[in-house]
């Protein structure tokens, strides 16, 4: 009975019954509870009512597309959202990530890869929630300051030149990882492994989109960044001054 209390619940949102049945079978085999929605409106209602631990969300849906669903869920819940796209188009992926999705995967996908991403996103969310709970009980300051950038790890708060910047958890984690080693270039693959929790090399464009989104929030001129710098062909680093 106690084991059931620890089971993670995953909401599957797709209008293709064969996809839903395949995902339900494989997720339940891995020990997850599952919820199902076949259109966007139903997905939002179930997500807000049941508050699952993770959402697998197809982009092409009846009534409300996956991008709108993602935005609606994000307004209320801070849970991992993994977008599923039938089209390998950059714009779909970028929009999904900018609306608050944590990750995306393109059809056709292997069950093994999907399960790896589900586990990675759940693990990162669990670690982040645990860290947040622990930080709330701490009274001492836990702050990283590099130049104009300040990260308060207790509050999950970022300031640039004293102004509070609204970042998603994933964006915060990217900045935190880089700010812990200012001036040191970190590859996209390492960021995927350390921040997204992947035990394999996923799509590095996920990192590029996230970095671009961070820059839009923290840089005065995104074309000439002074805080989050690109080392062309290698990766990213936080300017040490």
Protein backbone atom coordinates (compact mmCIF):
# COMPACT_ATOMS: atom_id res chain seq x y z
CA UNK A 1 0.00 0.00 0.00
CA UNK A 2 2.81 2.37 0.86
CA UNK A 3 4.42 1.71 -2.50
CA UNK A 4 1.29 2.96 -4.31
CA UNK A 5 1.60 6.28 -2.48
CA UNK A 6 4.99 6.77 -4.11
CA UNK A 7 3.80 5.97 -7.63
CA UNK A 8 4.21 8.82 -10.09
CA UNK A 9 1.19 9.73 -12.22
CA UNK A 10 1.65 10.64 -15.87
CA UNK A 11 -0.98 12.34 -18.01
CA UNK A 12 -0.87 11.18 -21.64
CA UNK A 13 -2.40 13.64 -24.12
CA UNK A 14 -2.79 12.38 -27.69
CA UNK A 15 -5.70 11.88 -30.08
CA UNK A 16 -4.19 8.73 -31.62
CA UNK A 17 -5.53 5.73 -29.72
CA UNK A 18 -2.68 3.45 -30.81
CA UNK A 19 -0.12 5.92 -29.38
CA UNK A 20 -2.06 6.30 -26.12
CA UNK A 21 -2.47 2.53 -25.71
CA UNK A 22 1.25 1.97 -26.37
CA UNK A 23 2.27 4.63 -23.86
CA UNK A 24 -0.19 3.40 -21.22
CA UNK A 25 1.10 -0.15 -21.57
CA UNK A 26 4.78 0.78 -21.32
CA UNK A 27 4.39 3.37 -18.55
CA UNK A 28 2.30 1.05 -16.40
CA UNK A 29 4.84 -1.72 -17.00
CA UNK A 30 7.45 0.66 -15.54
CA UNK A 31 5.28 1.19 -12.45
CA UNK A 32 3.64 4.54 -13.29
CA UNK A 33 -0.03 5.44 -12.88
CA UNK A 34 -1.53 6.91 -16.05
CA UNK A 35 -4.25 9.38 -16.98
CA UNK A 36 -5.48 9.90 -20.54
CA UNK A 37 -6.84 12.84 -22.52
CA UNK A 38 -7.72 12.86 -26.22
CA UNK A 39 -8.14 16.59 -26.82
CA UNK A 40 -6.69 19.82 -25.50
CA UNK A 41 -9.64 20.97 -23.40
CA UNK A 42 -9.87 17.60 -21.65
CA UNK A 43 -6.12 17.70 -21.04
CA UNK A 44 -6.27 21.06 -19.24
CA UNK A 45 -9.24 19.97 -17.10
CA UNK A 46 -7.60 16.69 -16.06
CA UNK A 47 -4.22 18.30 -15.41
CA UNK A 48 -5.65 21.01 -13.15
CA UNK A 49 -7.95 18.60 -11.31
CA UNK A 50 -5.64 15.60 -10.89
CA UNK A 51 -2.27 17.43 -10.83
CA UNK A 52 -0.13 14.65 -12.36
CA UNK A 53 3.63 14.43 -11.83
CA UNK A 54 4.41 14.76 -15.56
CA UNK A 55 2.55 15.43 -18.82
CA UNK A 56 3.27 13.79 -22.19
CA UNK A 57 1.68 16.29 -24.54
CA UNK A 58 1.14 15.94 -28.28
CA UNK A 59 1.23 19.21 -30.25
CA UNK A 60 -1.47 18.38 -32.81
CA UNK A 61 -4.72 18.03 -30.84
CA UNK A 62 -8.45 18.67 -31.40
CA UNK A 63 -10.22 21.64 -29.70
CA UNK A 64 -6.99 23.18 -28.34
CA UNK A 65 -3.48 22.49 -29.62
CA UNK A 66 -0.68 21.27 -27.40
CA UNK A 67 1.07 24.65 -27.31
CA UNK A 68 -2.03 26.33 -25.87
CA UNK A 69 -2.48 23.43 -23.43
CA UNK A 70 1.12 23.79 -22.29
CA UNK A 71 0.63 27.50 -21.66
CA UNK A 72 -2.58 26.94 -19.69
CA UNK A 73 -1.07 24.22 -17.50
CA UNK A 74 2.08 26.27 -16.89
CA UNK A 75 0.01 29.15 -15.51
CA UNK A 76 -1.01 26.96 -12.56
CA UNK A 77 1.29 23.95 -12.23
CA UNK A 78 5.09 23.65 -12.15
CA UNK A 79 5.37 20.06 -13.38
CA UNK A 80 7.51 18.58 -16.17
CA UNK A 81 5.86 18.82 -19.60
CA UNK A 82 7.33 16.74 -22.43
CA UNK A 83 6.02 17.80 -25.84
CA UNK A 84 5.49 15.19 -28.57
CA UNK A 85 5.66 16.45 -32.15
CA UNK A 86 4.89 14.66 -35.41
CA UNK A 87 6.76 17.38 -37.27
CA UNK A 88 10.48 17.91 -37.09
CA UNK A 89 10.12 21.66 -37.40
CA UNK A 90 12.24 24.00 -35.33
CA UNK A 91 9.39 26.48 -34.84
CA UNK A 92 7.17 23.91 -33.13
CA UNK A 93 9.96 22.89 -30.79
CA UNK A 94 10.98 26.43 -29.99
CA UNK A 95 7.40 27.52 -29.32
CA UNK A 96 6.86 24.52 -27.08
CA UNK A 97 9.94 25.31 -25.03
CA UNK A 98 9.19 29.02 -24.85
CA UNK A 99 5.73 28.30 -23.49
CA UNK A 100 7.26 26.39 -20.62
CA UNK A 101 7.74 22.83 -21.88
CA UNK A 102 10.72 21.06 -20.34
CA UNK A 103 11.55 18.89 -23.31
CA UNK A 104 10.31 17.61 -26.66
CA UNK A 105 10.54 14.39 -28.62
CA UNK A 106 9.70 13.84 -32.30
CA UNK A 107 7.56 11.01 -33.71
CA UNK A 108 8.43 8.33 -34.48
CA UNK A 109 10.30 7.79 -31.21
CA UNK A 110 11.61 4.68 -29.53
CA UNK A 111 9.92 3.59 -26.31
CA UNK A 112 13.32 3.27 -24.68
CA UNK A 113 14.24 6.88 -25.44
CA UNK A 114 10.86 8.18 -24.28
CA UNK A 115 11.12 6.25 -20.99
CA UNK A 116 14.62 7.60 -20.43
CA UNK A 117 13.37 11.15 -20.86
CA UNK A 118 10.35 10.57 -18.60
CA UNK A 119 12.60 9.22 -15.85
CA UNK A 120 15.12 12.03 -16.28
CA UNK A 121 12.47 14.76 -16.06
CA UNK A 122 10.77 13.17 -13.05
CA UNK A 123 14.12 12.76 -11.30
CA UNK A 124 15.09 16.38 -11.89
CA UNK A 125 11.71 17.61 -10.65
CA UNK A 126 12.01 15.49 -7.51
CA UNK A 127 15.53 16.74 -6.78
CA UNK A 128 14.45 20.36 -7.34
CA UNK A 129 11.41 20.01 -5.06
CA UNK A 130 13.51 18.41 -2.35
CA UNK A 131 16.11 21.16 -2.61
CA UNK A 132 13.35 23.78 -2.45
CA UNK A 133 11.91 22.22 0.73
CA UNK A 134 15.35 22.05 2.32
CA UNK A 135 16.16 25.63 1.36
CA UNK A 136 12.91 26.91 2.88
CA UNK A 137 14.05 25.58 6.24
CA UNK A 138 17.44 27.30 5.99
CA UNK A 139 17.93 30.77 7.38
CA UNK A 140 21.51 31.32 6.27
CA UNK A 141 22.29 33.03 3.00
CA UNK A 142 23.05 30.77 0.05
CA UNK A 143 23.90 33.18 -2.75
CA UNK A 144 26.08 33.07 -5.87
CA UNK A 145 27.20 36.43 -7.25
CA UNK A 146 29.10 36.81 -10.52
CA UNK A 147 29.36 40.35 -11.87
CA UNK A 148 25.84 41.74 -12.39
CA UNK A 149 24.28 38.32 -11.80
CA UNK A 150 23.03 37.15 -8.38
CA UNK A 151 21.39 33.79 -7.67
CA UNK A 152 19.65 33.16 -4.34
CA UNK A 153 19.55 29.37 -4.10
CA UNK A 154 17.21 29.41 -1.11
CA UNK A 155 14.56 31.43 -2.93
CA UNK A 156 15.28 30.12 -6.46
CA UNK A 157 15.58 33.81 -7.34
CA UNK A 158 17.76 35.52 -9.94
CA UNK A 159 18.65 39.20 -9.99
CA UNK A 160 20.47 41.13 -12.72
CA UNK A 161 21.79 44.51 -11.60
CA UNK A 162 19.46 44.24 -8.59
CA UNK A 163 16.32 43.56 -10.64
CA UNK A 164 14.47 40.27 -10.04
CA UNK A 165 14.20 38.20 -13.24
CA UNK A 166 11.39 35.68 -13.73
CA UNK A 167 12.94 32.38 -14.86
CA UNK A 168 11.56 28.87 -15.18
CA UNK A 169 13.11 26.18 -12.99
CA UNK A 170 15.09 24.77 -15.94
CA UNK A 171 16.43 28.21 -16.84
CA UNK A 172 17.44 28.76 -13.21
CA UNK A 173 19.25 25.42 -13.13
CA UNK A 174 21.21 26.28 -16.29
CA UNK A 175 22.35 29.60 -14.82
CA UNK A 176 23.15 27.99 -11.48
CA UNK A 177 25.33 25.31 -13.09
CA UNK A 178 27.25 27.86 -15.16
CA UNK A 179 27.52 30.45 -12.35
CA UNK A 180 29.09 27.86 -10.06
CA UNK A 181 32.08 27.85 -12.43
CA UNK A 182 32.34 31.37 -13.92
CA UNK A 183 34.61 31.74 -16.93
CA UNK A 184 34.63 27.98 -17.55
CA UNK A 185 33.14 26.86 -20.86
CA UNK A 186 30.56 24.07 -20.52
CA UNK A 187 29.53 22.02 -23.55
CA UNK A 188 25.91 21.54 -24.57
CA UNK A 189 26.27 17.81 -23.96
CA UNK A 190 27.42 18.37 -20.38
CA UNK A 191 24.50 20.75 -19.78
CA UNK A 192 22.08 18.13 -21.13
CA UNK A 193 23.56 15.58 -18.75
CA UNK A 194 23.85 17.78 -15.66
CA UNK A 195 20.79 20.03 -15.97
CA UNK A 196 18.32 17.92 -17.93
CA UNK A 197 19.54 14.71 -16.29
CA UNK A 198 20.01 12.78 -19.53
CA UNK A 199 22.27 9.77 -19.42
CA UNK A 200 22.71 10.02 -23.17
CA UNK A 201 23.22 12.85 -25.64
CA UNK A 202 19.82 14.26 -26.47
CA UNK A 203 19.01 17.06 -28.89
CA UNK A 204 21.45 19.88 -28.14
CA UNK A 205 19.03 22.38 -29.71
CA UNK A 206 17.07 22.11 -26.46
CA UNK A 207 20.05 23.73 -24.73
CA UNK A 208 20.40 26.43 -27.40
CA UNK A 209 16.72 27.39 -27.16
CA UNK A 210 16.88 27.55 -23.36
CA UNK A 211 20.02 29.70 -23.43
CA UNK A 212 18.42 32.04 -25.95
CA UNK A 213 15.37 32.36 -23.71
CA UNK A 214 17.55 33.16 -20.69
CA UNK A 215 19.41 35.82 -22.66
CA UNK A 216 16.16 37.50 -23.64
CA UNK A 217 15.49 37.95 -19.93
CA UNK A 218 18.91 38.86 -18.52
CA UNK A 219 20.82 40.63 -21.30
CA UNK A 220 20.44 44.28 -22.37
CA UNK A 221 21.46 43.34 -25.93
CA UNK A 222 20.93 39.70 -26.88
CA UNK A 223 23.07 40.17 -29.99
CA UNK A 224 25.99 41.24 -27.81
CA UNK A 225 25.61 39.34 -24.51
CA UNK A 226 27.75 40.35 -21.53
CA UNK A 227 26.66 37.77 -18.95
CA UNK A 228 25.89 34.46 -20.67
CA UNK A 229 28.51 34.03 -23.38
CA UNK A 230 28.82 31.59 -26.29
CA UNK A 231 32.13 29.94 -27.05
CA UNK A 232 31.48 29.20 -30.69
CA UNK A 233 31.56 25.53 -31.53
CA UNK A 234 32.07 24.53 -27.90
CA UNK A 235 29.42 25.70 -25.47
CA UNK A 236 28.52 28.43 -22.96
CA UNK A 237 29.93 30.18 -19.93
CA UNK A 238 29.14 32.97 -17.47
CA UNK A 239 31.44 35.97 -17.78
CA UNK A 240 33.58 36.12 -14.63
CA UNK A 241 33.38 39.93 -14.42
